[in-house]
PDB file of N, CA and C in Angstrom:
ATOM      1  N   MET A   1      42.927  67.693 113.720  1.00  0.00           N
ATOM      2  CA  MET A   1      43.282  66.755 111.779  1.00  0.00           C
ATOM      3  C   MET A   1      43.955  67.997 110.971  1.00  0.00           C
ATOM      4  N   ALA A   2      44.947  67.507 110.023  1.00  0.00           N
ATOM      5  CA  ALA A   2      45.573  67.974 109.595  1.00  0.00           C
ATOM      6  C   ALA A   2      44.544  68.156 107.780  1.00  0.00           C
ATOM      7  N   LYS A   3      44.760  69.652 107.391  1.00  0.00           N
ATOM      8  CA  LYS A   3      43.970  69.737 106.255  1.00  0.00           C
ATOM      9  C   LYS A   3      44.702  70.295 105.264  1.00  0.00           C
ATOM     10  N   TYR A   4      45.291  69.150 103.711  1.00  0.00           N
ATOM     11  CA  TYR A   4      45.609  69.864 103.145  1.00  0.00           C
ATOM     12  C   TYR A   4      44.808  70.398 101.528  1.00  0.00           C
ATOM     13  N   VAL A   5      45.668  71.227 100.980  1.00  0.00           N
ATOM     14  CA  VAL A   5      44.937  72.129  99.961  1.00  0.00           C
ATOM     15  C   VAL A   5      46.577  71.502  98.742  1.00  0.00           C
ATOM     16  N   PHE A   6      45.819  71.021  97.509  1.00  0.00           N
ATOM     17  CA  PHE A   6      46.858  71.190  96.637  1.00  0.00           C
ATOM     18  C   PHE A   6      46.724  72.307  95.288  1.00  0.00           C
ATOM     19  N   ILE A   7      47.110  73.044  95.262  1.00  0.00           N
ATOM     20  CA  ILE A   7      46.936  74.030  93.578  1.00  0.00           C
ATOM     21  C   ILE A   7      48.223  73.345  92.623  1.00  0.00           C
ATOM     22  N   THR A   8      47.420  72.689  91.682  1.00  0.00           N
ATOM     23  CA  THR A   8      47.877  72.467  90.201  1.00  0.00           C
ATOM     24  C   THR A   8      47.851  73.369  89.298  1.00  0.00           C
ATOM     25  N   GLY A   9      48.891  73.174  88.265  1.00  0.00           N
ATOM     26  CA  GLY A   9      48.206  73.571  86.962  1.00  0.00           C
ATOM     27  C   GLY A   9      49.848  73.323  85.679  1.00  0.00           C
ATOM     28  N   GLY A  10      50.575  72.496  85.814  1.00  0.00           N
ATOM     29  CA  GLY A  10      50.991  71.856  85.082  1.00  0.00           C
ATOM     30  C   GLY A  10      52.863  72.985  85.207  1.00  0.00           C
ATOM     31  N   VAL A  11      53.092  72.966  84.146  1.00  0.00           N
ATOM     32  CA  VAL A  11      54.764  73.915  84.313  1.00  0.00           C
ATOM     33  C   VAL A  11      53.989  74.828  83.930  1.00  0.00           C
ATOM     34  N   VAL A  12      53.194  75.426  83.492  1.00  0.00           N
ATOM     35  CA  VAL A  12      52.931  76.861  82.577  1.00  0.00           C
ATOM     36  C   VAL A  12      53.568  78.503  83.955  1.00  0.00           C
ATOM     37  N   SER A  13      54.302  78.857  83.385  1.00  0.00           N
ATOM     38  CA  SER A  13      53.920  80.150  83.928  1.00  0.00           C
ATOM     39  C   SER A  13      53.546  81.066  84.275  1.00  0.00           C
ATOM     40  N   SER A  14      53.613  82.077  85.159  1.00  0.00           N
ATOM     41  CA  SER A  14      52.058  83.050  85.545  1.00  0.00           C
ATOM     42  C   SER A  14      51.311  82.696  84.733  1.00  0.00           C
ATOM     43  N   ILE A  15      50.319  81.930  85.298  1.00  0.00           N
ATOM     44  CA  ILE A  15      48.934  80.916  85.067  1.00  0.00           C
ATOM     45  C   ILE A  15      48.170  81.866  86.439  1.00  0.00           C
ATOM     46  N   GLY A  16      48.724  82.296  87.368  1.00  0.00           N
ATOM     47  CA  GLY A  16      48.433  82.416  88.896  1.00  0.00           C
ATOM     48  C   GLY A  16      48.040  81.612  89.736  1.00  0.00           C
ATOM     49  N   LYS A  17      49.126  80.588  89.895  1.00  0.00           N
ATOM     50  CA  LYS A  17      49.240  79.275  90.686  1.00  0.00           C
ATOM     51  C   LYS A  17      49.411  79.760  92.197  1.00  0.00           C
ATOM     52  N   GLY A  18      50.263  81.015  91.906  1.00  0.00           N
ATOM     53  CA  GLY A  18      51.106  81.156  93.327  1.00  0.00           C
ATOM     54  C   GLY A  18      50.456  81.982  94.040  1.00  0.00           C
ATOM     55  N   ILE A  19      49.662  83.406  92.907  1.00  0.00           N
ATOM     56  CA  ILE A  19      48.817  84.148  93.768  1.00  0.00           C
ATOM     57  C   ILE A  19      47.571  83.935  94.101  1.00  0.00           C
ATOM     58  N   ASN A  20      47.343  82.408  93.692  1.00  0.00           N
ATOM     59  CA  ASN A  20      46.282  81.944  93.850  1.00  0.00           C
ATOM     60  C   ASN A  20      46.072  80.874  95.341  1.00  0.00           C
ATOM     61  N   ALA A  21      47.078  80.267  96.385  1.00  0.00           N
ATOM     62  CA  ALA A  21      47.522  80.047  96.955  1.00  0.00           C
ATOM     63  C   ALA A  21      47.921  80.681  98.089  1.00  0.00           C
ATOM     64  N   ALA A  22      48.493  82.025  97.552  1.00  0.00           N
ATOM     65  CA  ALA A  22      48.941  82.967  98.690  1.00  0.00           C
ATOM     66  C   ALA A  22      46.861  83.578  99.312  1.00  0.00           C
ATOM     67  N   SER A  23      46.562  83.725  98.024  1.00  0.00           N
ATOM     68  CA  SER A  23      44.774  84.293  98.650  1.00  0.00           C
ATOM     69  C   SER A  23      44.545  84.092  99.277  1.00  0.00           C
ATOM     70  N   LEU A  24      44.629  82.101  99.044  1.00  0.00           N
ATOM     71  CA  LEU A  24      43.956  81.439  99.847  1.00  0.00           C
ATOM     72  C   LEU A  24      43.950  81.075 101.598  1.00  0.00           C
ATOM     73  N   GLY A  25      45.649  81.060 101.169  1.00  0.00           N
ATOM     74  CA  GLY A  25      46.125  81.221 102.713  1.00  0.00           C
ATOM     75  C   GLY A  25      45.734  82.339 103.436  1.00  0.00           C
ATOM     76  N   ARG A  26      45.755  83.599 102.852  1.00  0.00           N
ATOM     77  CA  ARG A  26      45.586  84.596 103.597  1.00  0.00           C
ATOM     78  C   ARG A  26      43.569  84.579 104.663  1.00  0.00           C
ATOM     79  N   LEU A  27      43.148  84.280 103.144  1.00  0.00           N
ATOM     80  CA  LEU A  27      41.488  83.558 103.479  1.00  0.00           C
ATOM     81  C   LEU A  27      41.416  82.680 104.745  1.00  0.00           C
ATOM     82  N   LEU A  28      41.435  81.996 104.833  1.00  0.00           N
ATOM     83  CA  LEU A  28      42.194  80.846 105.822  1.00  0.00           C
ATOM     84  C   LEU A  28      42.441  81.637 107.223  1.00  0.00           C
ATOM     85  N   LYS A  29      43.465  82.196 107.018  1.00  0.00           N
ATOM     86  CA  LYS A  29      44.195  82.798 108.249  1.00  0.00           C
ATOM     87  C   LYS A  29      43.346  83.389 108.123  1.00  0.00           C
ATOM     88  N   ALA A  30      42.590  83.952 108.020  1.00  0.00           N
ATOM     89  CA  ALA A  30      41.783  85.499 108.642  1.00  0.00           C
ATOM     90  C   ALA A  30      40.272  84.884 109.088  1.00  0.00           C
ATOM     91  N   ARG A  31      40.207  83.323 109.221  1.00  0.00           N
ATOM     92  CA  ARG A  31      39.059  82.131 109.072  1.00  0.00           C
ATOM     93  C   ARG A  31      39.646  81.931 110.832  1.00  0.00           C
ATOM     94  N   GLY A  32      40.734  82.177 111.473  1.00  0.00           N
ATOM     95  CA  GLY A  32      41.471  81.618 112.142  1.00  0.00           C
ATOM     96  C   GLY A  32      42.279  80.782 112.288  1.00  0.00           C
ATOM     97  N   LEU A  33      42.513  80.273 111.279  1.00  0.00           N
ATOM     98  CA  LEU A  33      43.527  78.798 110.562  1.00  0.00           C
ATOM     99  C   LEU A  33      44.191  78.941 110.800  1.00  0.00           C
ATOM    100  N   ARG A  34      44.969  78.352 111.492  1.00  0.00           N
ATOM    101  CA  ARG A  34      46.580  78.161 111.013  1.00  0.00           C
ATOM    102  C   ARG A  34      47.477  77.130 109.416  1.00  0.00           C
ATOM    103  N   VAL A  35      47.854  78.122 108.829  1.00  0.00           N
ATOM    104  CA  VAL A  35      48.495  77.949 107.482  1.00  0.00           C
ATOM    105  C   VAL A  35      50.159  77.768 107.356  1.00  0.00           C
ATOM    106  N   SER A  36      50.189  76.766 106.455  1.00  0.00           N
ATOM    107  CA  SER A  36      51.691  76.957 106.262  1.00  0.00           C
ATOM    108  C   SER A  36      51.620  76.730 104.296  1.00  0.00           C
ATOM    109  N   VAL A  37      52.603  77.152 103.629  1.00  0.00           N
ATOM    110  CA  VAL A  37      52.654  77.232 102.122  1.00  0.00           C
ATOM    111  C   VAL A  37      53.493  76.206 101.680  1.00  0.00           C
ATOM    112  N   LEU A  38      54.037  75.583 101.466  1.00  0.00           N
ATOM    113  CA  LEU A  38      55.165  74.522 100.448  1.00  0.00           C
ATOM    114  C   LEU A  38      55.191  74.830  99.034  1.00  0.00           C
ATOM    115  N   LYS A  39      55.686  75.087  98.461  1.00  0.00           N
ATOM    116  CA  LYS A  39      56.370  75.734  96.815  1.00  0.00           C
ATOM    117  C   LYS A  39      57.005  73.967  96.624  1.00  0.00           C
ATOM    118  N   ILE A  40      56.691  73.798  95.631  1.00  0.00           N
ATOM    119  CA  ILE A  40      57.921  72.987  95.279  1.00  0.00           C
ATOM    120  C   ILE A  40      57.797  73.060  93.528  1.00  0.00           C
ATOM    121  N   ASP A  41      59.144  73.493  93.857  1.00  0.00           N
ATOM    122  CA  ASP A  41      59.108  73.403  91.954  1.00  0.00           C
ATOM    123  C   ASP A  41      60.432  72.420  91.553  1.00  0.00           C
ATOM    124  N   PRO A  42      59.965  71.449  90.649  1.00  0.00           N
ATOM    125  CA  PRO A  42      61.057  70.596  90.493  1.00  0.00           C
ATOM    126  C   PRO A  42      62.161  70.422  89.305  1.00  0.00           C
ATOM    127  N   TYR A  43      62.956  71.490  89.514  1.00  0.00           N
ATOM    128  CA  TYR A  43      64.002  71.239  89.441  1.00  0.00           C
ATOM    129  C   TYR A  43      65.300  70.570  89.620  1.00  0.00           C
ATOM    130  N   ILE A  44      65.759  69.626  88.600  1.00  0.00           N
ATOM    131  CA  ILE A  44      66.889  68.764  89.544  1.00  0.00           C
ATOM    132  C   ILE A  44      67.939  69.275  88.470  1.00  0.00           C
ATOM    133  N   ASN A  45      68.917  69.470  89.139  1.00  0.00           N
ATOM    134  CA  ASN A  45      70.103  69.907  89.045  1.00  0.00           C
ATOM    135  C   ASN A  45      70.515  71.115  87.947  1.00  0.00           C
ATOM    136  N   VAL A  46      69.166  72.050  87.645  1.00  0.00           N
ATOM    137  CA  VAL A  46      69.463  73.556  87.884  1.00  0.00           C
ATOM    138  C   VAL A  46      68.723  74.292  88.457  1.00  0.00           C
ATOM    139  N   ASP A  47      69.405  75.655  88.847  1.00  0.00           N
ATOM    140  CA  ASP A  47      69.094  77.185  89.251  1.00  0.00           C
ATOM    141  C   ASP A  47      68.085  77.845  88.521  1.00  0.00           C
ATOM    142  N   ALA A  48      66.999  78.420  89.536  1.00  0.00           N
ATOM    143  CA  ALA A  48      66.010  78.976  88.300  1.00  0.00           C
ATOM    144  C   ALA A  48      67.283  80.318  87.888  1.00  0.00           C
ATOM    145  N   GLY A  49      68.071  81.459  88.902  1.00  0.00           N
ATOM    146  CA  GLY A  49      68.528  82.071  88.292  1.00  0.00           C
ATOM    147  C   GLY A  49      69.127  81.847  87.016  1.00  0.00           C
ATOM    148  N   THR A  50      69.306  80.895  86.468  1.00  0.00           N
ATOM    149  CA  THR A  50      70.151  80.344  85.192  1.00  0.00           C
ATOM    150  C   THR A  50      69.355  80.175  84.320  1.00  0.00           C
ATOM    151  N   MET A  51      68.129  79.590  84.586  1.00  0.00           N
ATOM    152  CA  MET A  51      67.309  79.586  83.767  1.00  0.00           C
ATOM    153  C   MET A  51      66.748  80.865  82.900  1.00  0.00           C
ATOM    154  N   ASN A  52      66.413  80.751  81.798  1.00  0.00           N
ATOM    155  CA  ASN A  52      65.357  81.721  80.849  1.00  0.00           C
ATOM    156  C   ASN A  52      64.515  82.430  81.469  1.00  0.00           C
ATOM    157  N   PRO A  53      63.980  83.304  81.714  1.00  0.00           N
ATOM    158  CA  PRO A  53      62.968  84.065  82.339  1.00  0.00           C
ATOM    159  C   PRO A  53      62.034  83.582  81.739  1.00  0.00           C
ATOM    160  N   ALA A  54      61.663  83.123  79.937  1.00  0.00           N
ATOM    161  CA  ALA A  54      60.583  82.686  79.615  1.00  0.00           C
ATOM    162  C   ALA A  54      59.723  81.626  79.922  1.00  0.00           C
ATOM    163  N   GLN A  55      60.753  80.922  80.547  1.00  0.00           N
ATOM    164  CA  GLN A  55      60.645  79.046  81.053  1.00  0.00           C
ATOM    165  C   GLN A  55      60.262  79.393  82.336  1.00  0.00           C
ATOM    166  N   HIS A  56      60.435  79.977  82.871  1.00  0.00           N
ATOM    167  CA  HIS A  56      60.678  80.173  84.967  1.00  0.00           C
ATOM    168  C   HIS A  56      59.666  81.592  84.668  1.00  0.00           C
ATOM    169  N   GLY A  57      60.073  82.200  84.509  1.00  0.00           N
ATOM    170  CA  GLY A  57      59.354  84.171  85.043  1.00  0.00           C
ATOM    171  C   GLY A  57      61.104  84.481  85.831  1.00  0.00           C
ATOM    172  N   GLU A  58      60.253  85.444  86.357  1.00  0.00           N
ATOM    173  CA  GLU A  58      61.248  86.202  87.080  1.00  0.00           C
ATOM    174  C   GLU A  58      61.796  85.766  88.534  1.00  0.00           C
ATOM    175  N   VAL A  59      62.904  86.286  88.957  1.00  0.00           N
ATOM    176  CA  VAL A  59      63.421  85.290  90.381  1.00  0.00           C
ATOM    177  C   VAL A  59      63.521  86.541  90.685  1.00  0.00           C
ATOM    178  N   TYR A  60      62.840  86.313  91.857  1.00  0.00           N
ATOM    179  CA  TYR A  60      63.304  87.328  93.268  1.00  0.00           C
ATOM    180  C   TYR A  60      64.355  86.336  94.213  1.00  0.00           C
ATOM    181  N   VAL A  61      64.956  88.092  94.297  1.00  0.00           N
ATOM    182  CA  VAL A  61      66.601  87.686  95.130  1.00  0.00           C
ATOM    183  C   VAL A  61      66.919  88.565  96.144  1.00  0.00           C
ATOM    184  N   THR A  62      67.065  87.835  97.675  1.00  0.00           N
ATOM    185  CA  THR A  62      66.416  88.078  99.057  1.00  0.00           C
ATOM    186  C   THR A  62      67.299  89.622  99.505  1.00  0.00           C
ATOM    187  N   ASP A  63      67.917  89.596 100.326  1.00  0.00           N
ATOM    188  CA  ASP A  63      69.144  90.680 101.067  1.00  0.00           C
ATOM    189  C   ASP A  63      69.797  90.105 100.926  1.00  0.00           C
ATOM    190  N   ASP A  64      69.919  87.926 100.998  1.00  0.00           N
ATOM    191  CA  ASP A  64      71.156  87.698 101.694  1.00  0.00           C
ATOM    192  C   ASP A  64      71.504  87.336 100.502  1.00  0.00           C
ATOM    193  N   GLY A  65      71.046  87.494  98.981  1.00  0.00           N
ATOM    194  CA  GLY A  65      71.491  86.783  98.112  1.00  0.00           C
ATOM    195  C   GLY A  65      70.936  85.560  97.706  1.00  0.00           C
ATOM    196  N   ALA A  66      70.374  84.931  98.290  1.00  0.00           N
ATOM    197  CA  ALA A  66      68.625  83.121  98.129  1.00  0.00           C
ATOM    198  C   ALA A  66      68.403  84.384  96.981  1.00  0.00           C
ATOM    199  N   GLU A  67      67.928  83.007  96.151  1.00  0.00           N
ATOM    200  CA  GLU A  67      67.412  82.972  94.680  1.00  0.00           C
ATOM    201  C   GLU A  67      66.086  82.345  94.650  1.00  0.00           C
ATOM    202  N   ALA A  68      64.770  82.664  94.813  1.00  0.00           N
ATOM    203  CA  ALA A  68      63.418  82.618  94.940  1.00  0.00           C
ATOM    204  C   ALA A  68      62.347  82.404  93.402  1.00  0.00           C
ATOM    205  N   ASP A  69      61.361  81.672  93.715  1.00  0.00           N
ATOM    206  CA  ASP A  69      60.463  81.998  93.248  1.00  0.00           C
ATOM    207  C   ASP A  69      60.063  83.339  93.174  1.00  0.00           C
ATOM    208  N   LEU A  70      59.349  84.007  92.327  1.00  0.00           N
ATOM    209  CA  LEU A  70      58.845  85.327  92.159  1.00  0.00           C
ATOM    210  C   LEU A  70      57.495  86.027  93.718  1.00  0.00           C
ATOM    211  N   ASP A  71      57.272  84.360  93.335  1.00  0.00           N
ATOM    212  CA  ASP A  71      55.910  83.615  94.459  1.00  0.00           C
ATOM    213  C   ASP A  71      56.504  83.753  95.794  1.00  0.00           C
ATOM    214  N   LEU A  72      57.823  84.329  96.164  1.00  0.00           N
ATOM    215  CA  LEU A  72      57.526  84.831  97.253  1.00  0.00           C
ATOM    216  C   LEU A  72      57.178  86.011  97.696  1.00  0.00           C
ATOM    217  N   GLY A  73      57.337  86.862  97.095  1.00  0.00           N
ATOM    218  CA  GLY A  73      56.858  88.034  97.436  1.00  0.00           C
ATOM    219  C   GLY A  73      55.599  88.029  98.040  1.00  0.00           C
ATOM    220  N   HIS A  74      54.935  87.388  97.186  1.00  0.00           N
ATOM    221  CA  HIS A  74      53.341  86.882  97.742  1.00  0.00           C
ATOM    222  C   HIS A  74      52.683  86.540  98.842  1.00  0.00           C
ATOM    223  N   TYR A  75      53.580  85.655  99.096  1.00  0.00           N
ATOM    224  CA  TYR A  75      53.421  84.730 100.602  1.00  0.00           C
ATOM    225  C   TYR A  75      53.646  85.692 101.356  1.00  0.00           C
ATOM    226  N   GLU A  76      54.780  86.845 101.465  1.00  0.00           N
ATOM    227  CA  GLU A  76      55.194  87.562 102.851  1.00  0.00           C
ATOM    228  C   GLU A  76      54.443  88.375 103.013  1.00  0.00           C
TER     229      GLU A  76
END
């Protein structure tokens, strides 16, 4: 049976939602559970790379040029 954990914290950037999710996932994996992370950013017709870093935080750019939230580095 699947179990879900939701981490919320509003729209404030850099308060630790992503690192908390990554840390909790790592702890659950260490206990032998299967873990999948899904991060949803509710941007409508907005690219995170063109937003002000004060609003969104830094943008993580992958080797293939894709732009993602900085939390991607924590999840890997």
